[in-house]
Amino acid sequence: LFRSYSSGSSANSSGIYGYGGSVIETTGGGNITMTGIGGNGVTGNSFGVQLGDRVDENPGSTEATVSAADGTISIAGTGGSASGGSRPFSEGIATWDALIETSGAGTGHGNITLSGMGGKAGNGGEGIDLNADTLSIPTLSAADGNISVTGTAGNSVGSGNVGIANNA
């Protein structure tokens, strides 16, 4: 169980930030629950949960992995308030070249649930933003379970207020 709130007010203030090949996993059964709330990133972005990075250091590779064997994955994110920078974003859940997968079998195993609420930003208040570079695609994969994705648009003054965005 990961719970995090960012109270930062600098360049970027994500509640949970995994990138550069980071891995969160269970291998012998168990569930993964992540809850992140973005802070007030007055000069940049404010994501609730950010998996991967907009600046792709390793094109074509997975930036972040969340994997549960014989368990479930639940990720909830709420964007904070971002108002500075050239294109501030305040997204509930943002992924870039991330893999979110379960490999369990049987009733109740293998479900993936994403729930994101966009925040207040100058641009980009998506609830959930699934992104990929030109060489790889963000993946949600449940071997023997259901996938549920629920996004609620934020109240940004600019463009990009959508519940779920899929940008490949």
N, C-alpha and C. Protein backbone atom coordinates (compact mmCIF):
# COMPACT_ATOMS: atom_id res chain seq x y z
N LEU A 1 0.85 -1.18 0.00
CA LEU A 1 0.00 0.00 0.00
C LEU A 1 0.89 1.23 0.00
N PHE A 2 0.74 2.06 -1.01
CA PHE A 2 1.47 3.32 -1.11
C PHE A 2 0.46 4.45 -1.03
N ARG A 3 0.68 5.39 -0.13
CA ARG A 3 -0.13 6.60 -0.07
C ARG A 3 0.83 7.77 0.03
N SER A 4 0.60 8.76 -0.79
CA SER A 4 1.53 9.88 -0.78
C SER A 4 0.81 11.14 -1.18
N TYR A 5 1.21 12.23 -0.54
CA TYR A 5 0.71 13.55 -0.88
C TYR A 5 1.91 14.47 -1.03
N SER A 6 1.93 15.19 -2.13
CA SER A 6 3.03 16.12 -2.34
C SER A 6 2.61 17.50 -1.89
N SER A 7 3.41 18.09 -1.04
CA SER A 7 3.12 19.46 -0.61
C SER A 7 4.08 20.44 -1.27
N GLY A 8 4.80 19.94 -2.26
CA GLY A 8 5.79 20.77 -2.95
C GLY A 8 5.17 21.90 -3.74
N SER A 9 5.91 22.93 -3.94
CA SER A 9 5.43 24.05 -4.75
C SER A 9 6.52 24.52 -5.71
N SER A 10 7.31 23.56 -6.20
CA SER A 10 8.37 23.91 -7.13
C SER A 10 8.08 23.36 -8.50
N ALA A 11 9.11 22.96 -9.24
CA ALA A 11 8.96 22.57 -10.64
C ALA A 11 7.92 21.49 -10.87
N ASN A 12 8.00 20.37 -10.18
CA ASN A 12 7.02 19.30 -10.31
C ASN A 12 6.71 18.77 -8.92
N SER A 13 5.45 18.47 -8.71
CA SER A 13 5.07 17.95 -7.39
C SER A 13 4.06 16.83 -7.55
N SER A 14 4.59 15.62 -7.81
CA SER A 14 3.76 14.44 -7.97
C SER A 14 3.63 13.72 -6.63
N GLY A 15 2.44 13.17 -6.37
CA GLY A 15 2.24 12.39 -5.16
C GLY A 15 3.09 11.13 -5.18
N ILE A 16 3.02 10.35 -6.26
CA ILE A 16 3.85 9.16 -6.46
C ILE A 16 4.50 9.29 -7.83
N TYR A 17 5.82 9.09 -7.88
CA TYR A 17 6.56 9.28 -9.13
C TYR A 17 7.50 8.10 -9.33
N GLY A 18 7.26 7.28 -10.35
CA GLY A 18 8.13 6.15 -10.68
C GLY A 18 8.59 6.27 -12.12
N TYR A 19 9.90 6.22 -12.34
CA TYR A 19 10.43 6.33 -13.70
C TYR A 19 11.82 5.70 -13.76
N GLY A 20 12.41 5.72 -14.94
CA GLY A 20 13.77 5.23 -15.12
C GLY A 20 13.91 3.73 -14.90
N GLY A 21 12.86 2.98 -15.22
CA GLY A 21 12.90 1.53 -15.03
C GLY A 21 12.44 1.08 -13.66
N SER A 22 11.75 1.93 -12.92
CA SER A 22 11.30 1.54 -11.57
C SER A 22 10.30 0.39 -11.65
N VAL A 23 10.32 -0.46 -10.62
CA VAL A 23 9.45 -1.65 -10.57
C VAL A 23 8.80 -1.73 -9.19
N ILE A 24 7.49 -1.91 -9.19
CA ILE A 24 6.72 -2.21 -7.97
C ILE A 24 6.01 -3.51 -8.28
N GLU A 25 6.26 -4.55 -7.45
CA GLU A 25 5.68 -5.85 -7.78
C GLU A 25 5.44 -6.71 -6.56
N THR A 26 4.49 -7.63 -6.72
CA THR A 26 4.31 -8.75 -5.80
C THR A 26 4.60 -10.00 -6.60
N THR A 27 5.28 -10.98 -5.99
CA THR A 27 5.65 -12.18 -6.75
C THR A 27 4.98 -13.45 -6.24
N GLY A 28 4.56 -13.49 -5.01
CA GLY A 28 3.97 -14.71 -4.46
C GLY A 28 2.56 -14.50 -3.97
N GLY A 29 1.80 -13.69 -4.64
CA GLY A 29 0.46 -13.35 -4.19
C GLY A 29 0.50 -12.03 -3.44
N GLY A 30 -0.58 -11.34 -3.46
CA GLY A 30 -0.66 -10.05 -2.79
C GLY A 30 -1.16 -8.98 -3.72
N ASN A 31 -1.73 -7.96 -3.13
CA ASN A 31 -2.32 -6.87 -3.88
C ASN A 31 -1.42 -5.64 -3.82
N ILE A 32 -1.55 -4.78 -4.83
CA ILE A 32 -0.85 -3.51 -4.85
C ILE A 32 -1.89 -2.41 -4.88
N THR A 33 -1.79 -1.49 -3.93
CA THR A 33 -2.67 -0.33 -3.87
C THR A 33 -1.81 0.92 -3.81
N MET A 34 -2.05 1.85 -4.73
CA MET A 34 -1.30 3.10 -4.77
C MET A 34 -2.28 4.26 -4.80
N THR A 35 -2.08 5.24 -3.90
CA THR A 35 -2.92 6.43 -3.86
C THR A 35 -2.02 7.65 -3.79
N GLY A 36 -2.13 8.55 -4.76
CA GLY A 36 -1.30 9.74 -4.79
C GLY A 36 -2.11 10.99 -5.03
N ILE A 37 -1.70 12.08 -4.37
CA ILE A 37 -2.34 13.39 -4.54
C ILE A 37 -1.25 14.40 -4.87
N GLY A 38 -1.40 15.06 -6.01
CA GLY A 38 -0.42 16.07 -6.42
C GLY A 38 -0.50 17.31 -5.55
N GLY A 39 0.61 18.02 -5.47
CA GLY A 39 0.68 19.24 -4.67
C GLY A 39 0.41 20.47 -5.50
N ASN A 40 0.90 21.59 -5.05
CA ASN A 40 0.71 22.85 -5.73
C ASN A 40 1.98 23.22 -6.48
N GLY A 41 2.14 22.65 -7.67
CA GLY A 41 3.33 22.87 -8.48
C GLY A 41 3.27 24.19 -9.22
N VAL A 42 3.56 25.26 -8.53
CA VAL A 42 3.36 26.59 -9.10
C VAL A 42 4.23 26.87 -10.31
N THR A 43 5.33 26.16 -10.50
CA THR A 43 6.15 26.39 -11.69
C THR A 43 6.21 25.18 -12.61
N GLY A 44 5.34 24.20 -12.41
CA GLY A 44 5.39 23.01 -13.26
C GLY A 44 4.17 22.15 -13.13
N ASN A 45 4.38 20.85 -13.16
CA ASN A 45 3.31 19.87 -13.18
C ASN A 45 2.95 19.37 -11.78
N SER A 46 1.71 18.88 -11.67
CA SER A 46 1.23 18.37 -10.39
C SER A 46 0.38 17.13 -10.64
N PHE A 47 1.04 15.95 -10.64
CA PHE A 47 0.35 14.68 -10.91
C PHE A 47 0.05 13.97 -9.60
N GLY A 48 -1.08 13.27 -9.56
CA GLY A 48 -1.36 12.41 -8.42
C GLY A 48 -0.43 11.21 -8.44
N VAL A 49 -0.45 10.46 -9.54
CA VAL A 49 0.45 9.32 -9.75
C VAL A 49 1.07 9.48 -11.13
N GLN A 50 2.39 9.48 -11.19
CA GLN A 50 3.11 9.60 -12.45
C GLN A 50 4.01 8.38 -12.62
N LEU A 51 3.74 7.59 -13.66
CA LEU A 51 4.54 6.40 -13.98
C LEU A 51 5.20 6.62 -15.33
N GLY A 52 6.51 6.75 -15.33
CA GLY A 52 7.25 7.12 -16.52
C GLY A 52 7.46 8.62 -16.53
N ASP A 53 8.10 9.11 -17.59
CA ASP A 53 8.43 10.53 -17.65
C ASP A 53 8.21 11.04 -19.06
N ARG A 54 7.77 12.27 -19.18
CA ARG A 54 7.57 12.89 -20.49
C ARG A 54 8.86 12.94 -21.29
N VAL A 55 9.99 13.09 -20.62
CA VAL A 55 11.29 13.09 -21.28
C VAL A 55 11.79 11.64 -21.24
N ASP A 56 11.75 10.97 -22.36
CA ASP A 56 12.07 9.55 -22.44
C ASP A 56 13.57 9.36 -22.62
N GLU A 57 14.26 8.97 -21.52
CA GLU A 57 15.70 8.75 -21.60
C GLU A 57 16.06 7.48 -22.37
N ASN A 58 15.15 6.52 -22.41
CA ASN A 58 15.41 5.24 -23.08
C ASN A 58 14.27 4.91 -24.04
N PRO A 59 14.23 5.54 -25.21
CA PRO A 59 13.14 5.29 -26.15
C PRO A 59 12.95 3.80 -26.44
N GLY A 60 11.69 3.38 -26.43
CA GLY A 60 11.37 1.99 -26.73
C GLY A 60 11.43 1.08 -25.53
N SER A 61 11.78 1.59 -24.36
CA SER A 61 11.85 0.75 -23.17
C SER A 61 10.73 1.13 -22.20
N THR A 62 10.45 0.23 -21.27
CA THR A 62 9.43 0.48 -20.26
C THR A 62 10.02 1.38 -19.18
N GLU A 63 9.36 2.50 -18.93
CA GLU A 63 9.83 3.47 -17.94
C GLU A 63 9.47 3.07 -16.51
N ALA A 64 8.32 2.41 -16.34
CA ALA A 64 7.88 2.00 -15.00
C ALA A 64 7.00 0.76 -15.13
N THR A 65 7.12 -0.16 -14.17
CA THR A 65 6.33 -1.39 -14.17
C THR A 65 5.65 -1.56 -12.82
N VAL A 66 4.35 -1.87 -12.87
CA VAL A 66 3.59 -2.25 -11.68
C VAL A 66 3.02 -3.62 -12.00
N SER A 67 3.41 -4.65 -11.23
CA SER A 67 3.07 -6.03 -11.58
C SER A 67 2.65 -6.82 -10.34
N ALA A 68 1.52 -7.52 -10.43
CA ALA A 68 1.04 -8.35 -9.33
C ALA A 68 0.79 -9.77 -9.83
N ALA A 69 1.43 -10.75 -9.18
CA ALA A 69 1.19 -12.16 -9.47
C ALA A 69 0.17 -12.66 -8.45
N ASP A 70 -0.91 -13.22 -8.92
CA ASP A 70 -1.99 -13.73 -8.05
C ASP A 70 -2.53 -12.67 -7.12
N GLY A 71 -2.72 -11.47 -7.65
CA GLY A 71 -3.27 -10.38 -6.86
C GLY A 71 -3.91 -9.34 -7.75
N THR A 72 -4.31 -8.24 -7.14
CA THR A 72 -4.95 -7.15 -7.86
C THR A 72 -4.09 -5.89 -7.79
N ILE A 73 -4.38 -4.96 -8.69
CA ILE A 73 -3.71 -3.67 -8.69
C ILE A 73 -4.78 -2.59 -8.69
N SER A 74 -4.65 -1.66 -7.76
CA SER A 74 -5.56 -0.52 -7.68
C SER A 74 -4.73 0.75 -7.59
N ILE A 75 -4.93 1.67 -8.54
CA ILE A 75 -4.19 2.92 -8.56
C ILE A 75 -5.19 4.06 -8.62
N ALA A 76 -5.09 4.98 -7.64
CA ALA A 76 -5.96 6.15 -7.59
C ALA A 76 -5.10 7.39 -7.51
N GLY A 77 -5.42 8.39 -8.32
CA GLY A 77 -4.64 9.62 -8.32
C GLY A 77 -5.53 10.84 -8.47
N THR A 78 -5.16 11.91 -7.77
CA THR A 78 -5.86 13.19 -7.87
C THR A 78 -4.83 14.26 -8.18
N GLY A 79 -5.01 14.96 -9.29
CA GLY A 79 -4.10 16.02 -9.66
C GLY A 79 -4.22 17.20 -8.71
N GLY A 80 -3.13 17.91 -8.54
CA GLY A 80 -3.12 19.07 -7.65
C GLY A 80 -3.43 20.34 -8.42
N SER A 81 -2.70 21.39 -8.11
CA SER A 81 -2.88 22.69 -8.73
C SER A 81 -1.56 23.12 -9.36
N ALA A 82 -1.53 23.20 -10.70
CA ALA A 82 -0.33 23.59 -11.42
C ALA A 82 -0.63 24.82 -12.24
N SER A 83 0.15 25.87 -12.08
CA SER A 83 -0.17 27.10 -12.79
C SER A 83 1.00 27.74 -13.52
N GLY A 84 2.21 27.28 -13.31
CA GLY A 84 3.37 27.92 -13.94
C GLY A 84 3.95 27.10 -15.04
N GLY A 85 5.11 27.49 -15.49
CA GLY A 85 5.79 26.75 -16.54
C GLY A 85 5.16 27.00 -17.90
N SER A 86 5.72 26.37 -18.93
CA SER A 86 5.22 26.59 -20.28
C SER A 86 3.93 25.83 -20.56
N ARG A 87 3.77 24.65 -19.97
CA ARG A 87 2.56 23.85 -20.17
C ARG A 87 2.29 23.06 -18.90
N PRO A 88 1.79 23.68 -17.86
CA PRO A 88 1.57 22.94 -16.61
C PRO A 88 0.41 21.95 -16.73
N PHE A 89 0.64 20.76 -16.21
CA PHE A 89 -0.37 19.72 -16.24
C PHE A 89 -0.72 19.32 -14.81
N SER A 90 -1.97 18.96 -14.61
CA SER A 90 -2.45 18.54 -13.30
C SER A 90 -3.35 17.33 -13.51
N GLU A 91 -2.72 16.17 -13.71
CA GLU A 91 -3.44 14.95 -14.06
C GLU A 91 -3.52 14.01 -12.87
N GLY A 92 -4.63 13.28 -12.79
CA GLY A 92 -4.79 12.31 -11.71
C GLY A 92 -3.78 11.19 -11.82
N ILE A 93 -3.78 10.49 -12.97
CA ILE A 93 -2.81 9.43 -13.26
C ILE A 93 -2.22 9.71 -14.64
N ALA A 94 -0.89 9.73 -14.72
CA ALA A 94 -0.21 9.93 -16.00
C ALA A 94 0.78 8.80 -16.20
N THR A 95 0.72 8.15 -17.36
CA THR A 95 1.68 7.10 -17.68
C THR A 95 2.39 7.43 -18.99
N TRP A 96 3.68 7.09 -19.02
CA TRP A 96 4.48 7.19 -20.25
C TRP A 96 5.27 5.91 -20.33
N ASP A 97 4.94 5.09 -21.32
CA ASP A 97 5.65 3.83 -21.53
C ASP A 97 5.68 2.99 -20.25
N ALA A 98 4.54 2.91 -19.58
CA ALA A 98 4.43 2.12 -18.35
C ALA A 98 3.70 0.82 -18.63
N LEU A 99 4.07 -0.20 -17.88
CA LEU A 99 3.41 -1.51 -17.96
C LEU A 99 2.71 -1.75 -16.62
N ILE A 100 1.41 -1.97 -16.66
CA ILE A 100 0.62 -2.30 -15.48
C ILE A 100 -0.03 -3.64 -15.79
N GLU A 101 0.37 -4.69 -15.03
CA GLU A 101 -0.08 -6.03 -15.40
C GLU A 101 -0.34 -6.90 -14.18
N THR A 102 -1.28 -7.84 -14.36
CA THR A 102 -1.51 -8.89 -13.36
C THR A 102 -1.40 -10.23 -14.07
N SER A 103 -0.98 -11.24 -13.31
CA SER A 103 -0.80 -12.57 -13.91
C SER A 103 -1.45 -13.66 -13.07
N GLY A 104 -2.48 -13.31 -12.31
CA GLY A 104 -3.14 -14.29 -11.46
C GLY A 104 -4.22 -15.07 -12.18
N ALA A 105 -4.63 -16.16 -11.57
CA ALA A 105 -5.70 -16.98 -12.12
C ALA A 105 -6.74 -17.23 -11.04
N GLY A 106 -8.00 -17.24 -11.42
CA GLY A 106 -9.06 -17.53 -10.47
C GLY A 106 -9.88 -16.30 -10.10
N THR A 107 -10.99 -16.54 -9.47
CA THR A 107 -11.92 -15.48 -9.11
C THR A 107 -11.27 -14.46 -8.19
N GLY A 108 -11.45 -13.19 -8.54
CA GLY A 108 -10.93 -12.11 -7.72
C GLY A 108 -9.47 -11.79 -7.93
N HIS A 109 -8.77 -12.62 -8.67
CA HIS A 109 -7.35 -12.37 -8.94
C HIS A 109 -7.22 -11.68 -10.29
N GLY A 110 -6.24 -10.85 -10.41
CA GLY A 110 -5.91 -10.29 -11.70
C GLY A 110 -6.64 -9.04 -12.11
N ASN A 111 -7.48 -8.46 -11.26
CA ASN A 111 -8.17 -7.24 -11.63
C ASN A 111 -7.24 -6.03 -11.54
N ILE A 112 -7.44 -5.09 -12.47
CA ILE A 112 -6.72 -3.82 -12.46
C ILE A 112 -7.76 -2.71 -12.44
N THR A 113 -7.61 -1.78 -11.49
CA THR A 113 -8.52 -0.65 -11.38
C THR A 113 -7.72 0.65 -11.36
N LEU A 114 -8.01 1.54 -12.30
CA LEU A 114 -7.41 2.87 -12.33
C LEU A 114 -8.52 3.89 -12.13
N SER A 115 -8.31 4.82 -11.22
CA SER A 115 -9.29 5.87 -10.97
C SER A 115 -8.54 7.19 -10.82
N GLY A 116 -8.80 8.13 -11.74
CA GLY A 116 -8.07 9.39 -11.71
C GLY A 116 -8.98 10.59 -11.81
N MET A 117 -8.62 11.64 -11.06
CA MET A 117 -9.36 12.89 -11.11
C MET A 117 -8.38 14.02 -11.42
N GLY A 118 -8.64 14.73 -12.51
CA GLY A 118 -7.79 15.85 -12.88
C GLY A 118 -7.91 16.98 -11.89
N GLY A 119 -6.87 17.78 -11.80
CA GLY A 119 -6.86 18.91 -10.88
C GLY A 119 -7.07 20.22 -11.61
N LYS A 120 -6.52 21.27 -11.05
CA LYS A 120 -6.63 22.61 -11.64
C LYS A 120 -5.26 22.99 -12.20
N ALA A 121 -5.23 23.28 -13.49
CA ALA A 121 -3.96 23.62 -14.13
C ALA A 121 -4.18 24.67 -15.20
N GLY A 122 -3.08 25.21 -15.70
CA GLY A 122 -3.15 26.12 -16.82
C GLY A 122 -3.48 25.39 -18.11
N ASN A 123 -3.16 24.08 -18.16
CA ASN A 123 -3.41 23.28 -19.35
C ASN A 123 -3.32 21.81 -18.94
N GLY A 124 -4.25 20.99 -19.34
CA GLY A 124 -4.14 19.55 -19.11
C GLY A 124 -4.60 19.09 -17.76
N GLY A 125 -5.91 19.04 -17.55
CA GLY A 125 -6.48 18.52 -16.31
C GLY A 125 -7.12 17.16 -16.53
N GLU A 126 -6.40 16.24 -17.20
CA GLU A 126 -6.95 14.92 -17.48
C GLU A 126 -7.07 14.10 -16.20
N GLY A 127 -8.13 13.29 -16.14
CA GLY A 127 -8.26 12.34 -15.04
C GLY A 127 -7.20 11.26 -15.17
N ILE A 128 -7.12 10.65 -16.35
CA ILE A 128 -6.12 9.62 -16.65
C ILE A 128 -5.55 9.92 -18.04
N ASP A 129 -4.22 9.93 -18.14
CA ASP A 129 -3.55 10.22 -19.40
C ASP A 129 -2.59 9.07 -19.70
N LEU A 130 -2.92 8.26 -20.70
CA LEU A 130 -2.10 7.12 -21.11
C LEU A 130 -1.30 7.54 -22.33
N ASN A 131 0.02 7.58 -22.20
CA ASN A 131 0.90 8.08 -23.26
C ASN A 131 1.95 7.05 -23.64
N ALA A 132 2.45 7.21 -24.88
CA ALA A 132 3.54 6.34 -25.34
C ALA A 132 4.40 7.11 -26.33
N ASP A 133 5.68 6.73 -26.41
CA ASP A 133 6.48 7.29 -27.49
C ASP A 133 6.18 6.50 -28.75
N THR A 134 6.90 6.74 -29.80
CA THR A 134 6.59 6.10 -31.09
C THR A 134 7.00 4.63 -31.14
N LEU A 135 7.79 4.17 -30.17
CA LEU A 135 8.29 2.80 -30.24
C LEU A 135 7.59 1.81 -29.31
N SER A 136 6.90 2.31 -28.29
CA SER A 136 6.21 1.41 -27.37
C SER A 136 4.89 2.01 -26.95
N ILE A 137 4.03 1.18 -26.41
CA ILE A 137 2.68 1.60 -26.06
C ILE A 137 2.43 1.31 -24.59
N PRO A 138 1.76 2.23 -23.86
CA PRO A 138 1.43 1.92 -22.47
C PRO A 138 0.49 0.72 -22.44
N THR A 139 0.74 -0.19 -21.52
CA THR A 139 0.00 -1.44 -21.52
C THR A 139 -0.72 -1.66 -20.20
N LEU A 140 -1.99 -2.02 -20.30
CA LEU A 140 -2.77 -2.53 -19.19
C LEU A 140 -3.10 -3.97 -19.57
N SER A 141 -2.63 -4.92 -18.76
CA SER A 141 -2.80 -6.32 -19.11
C SER A 141 -3.22 -7.13 -17.89
N ALA A 142 -4.38 -7.78 -17.99
CA ALA A 142 -4.88 -8.64 -16.92
C ALA A 142 -5.06 -10.04 -17.49
N ALA A 143 -4.25 -10.99 -17.00
CA ALA A 143 -4.28 -12.35 -17.55
C ALA A 143 -5.63 -13.03 -17.33
N ASP A 144 -6.21 -12.89 -16.15
CA ASP A 144 -7.47 -13.58 -15.85
C ASP A 144 -8.34 -12.69 -14.97
N GLY A 145 -8.47 -11.42 -15.37
CA GLY A 145 -9.24 -10.49 -14.56
C GLY A 145 -9.82 -9.38 -15.40
N ASN A 146 -10.43 -8.44 -14.73
CA ASN A 146 -11.07 -7.31 -15.38
C ASN A 146 -10.18 -6.08 -15.29
N ILE A 147 -10.36 -5.19 -16.25
CA ILE A 147 -9.67 -3.90 -16.23
C ILE A 147 -10.74 -2.82 -16.19
N SER A 148 -10.64 -1.93 -15.20
CA SER A 148 -11.58 -0.82 -15.06
C SER A 148 -10.79 0.48 -15.04
N VAL A 149 -11.15 1.40 -15.94
CA VAL A 149 -10.47 2.70 -16.04
C VAL A 149 -11.54 3.78 -15.95
N THR A 150 -11.45 4.62 -14.90
CA THR A 150 -12.43 5.68 -14.68
C THR A 150 -11.68 7.00 -14.50
N GLY A 151 -11.96 7.96 -15.36
CA GLY A 151 -11.31 9.26 -15.28
C GLY A 151 -12.32 10.38 -15.21
N THR A 152 -12.02 11.37 -14.38
CA THR A 152 -12.88 12.55 -14.25
C THR A 152 -12.04 13.77 -14.61
N ALA A 153 -12.55 14.58 -15.54
CA ALA A 153 -11.82 15.77 -15.98
C ALA A 153 -11.70 16.77 -14.85
N GLY A 154 -10.59 17.51 -14.86
CA GLY A 154 -10.37 18.57 -13.89
C GLY A 154 -10.99 19.87 -14.36
N ASN A 155 -10.56 20.95 -13.74
CA ASN A 155 -11.11 22.26 -14.11
C ASN A 155 -10.00 23.22 -14.53
N SER A 156 -9.19 22.78 -15.47
CA SER A 156 -8.11 23.62 -15.99
C SER A 156 -8.68 24.75 -16.83
N VAL A 157 -7.96 25.85 -16.84
CA VAL A 157 -8.41 27.00 -17.63
C VAL A 157 -8.07 26.84 -19.11
N GLY A 158 -7.09 25.99 -19.44
CA GLY A 158 -6.69 25.78 -20.82
C GLY A 158 -7.37 24.57 -21.41
N SER A 159 -6.71 23.97 -22.39
CA SER A 159 -7.25 22.79 -23.06
C SER A 159 -6.87 21.52 -22.29
N GLY A 160 -7.42 20.40 -22.67
CA GLY A 160 -7.01 19.12 -22.10
C GLY A 160 -7.83 18.67 -20.92
N ASN A 161 -9.04 19.18 -20.75
CA ASN A 161 -9.90 18.73 -19.67
C ASN A 161 -10.75 17.57 -20.15
N VAL A 162 -10.20 16.36 -20.06
CA VAL A 162 -10.94 15.16 -20.46
C VAL A 162 -10.80 14.12 -19.35
N GLY A 163 -11.75 13.22 -19.29
CA GLY A 163 -11.68 12.16 -18.28
C GLY A 163 -10.54 11.19 -18.55
N ILE A 164 -10.46 10.65 -19.78
CA ILE A 164 -9.43 9.69 -20.15
C ILE A 164 -8.85 10.10 -21.50
N ALA A 165 -7.53 10.24 -21.56
CA ALA A 165 -6.84 10.55 -22.82
C ALA A 165 -5.91 9.40 -23.13
N ASN A 166 -5.90 8.94 -24.39
CA ASN A 166 -5.01 7.87 -24.82
C ASN A 166 -4.20 8.42 -25.99
N ASN A 167 -2.95 8.76 -25.70
CA ASN A 167 -2.09 9.40 -26.68
C ASN A 167 -0.92 8.50 -27.03
N ALA A 168 -0.96 7.90 -28.19
CA ALA A 168 0.14 7.04 -28.62
C ALA A 168 0.89 7.68 -29.74
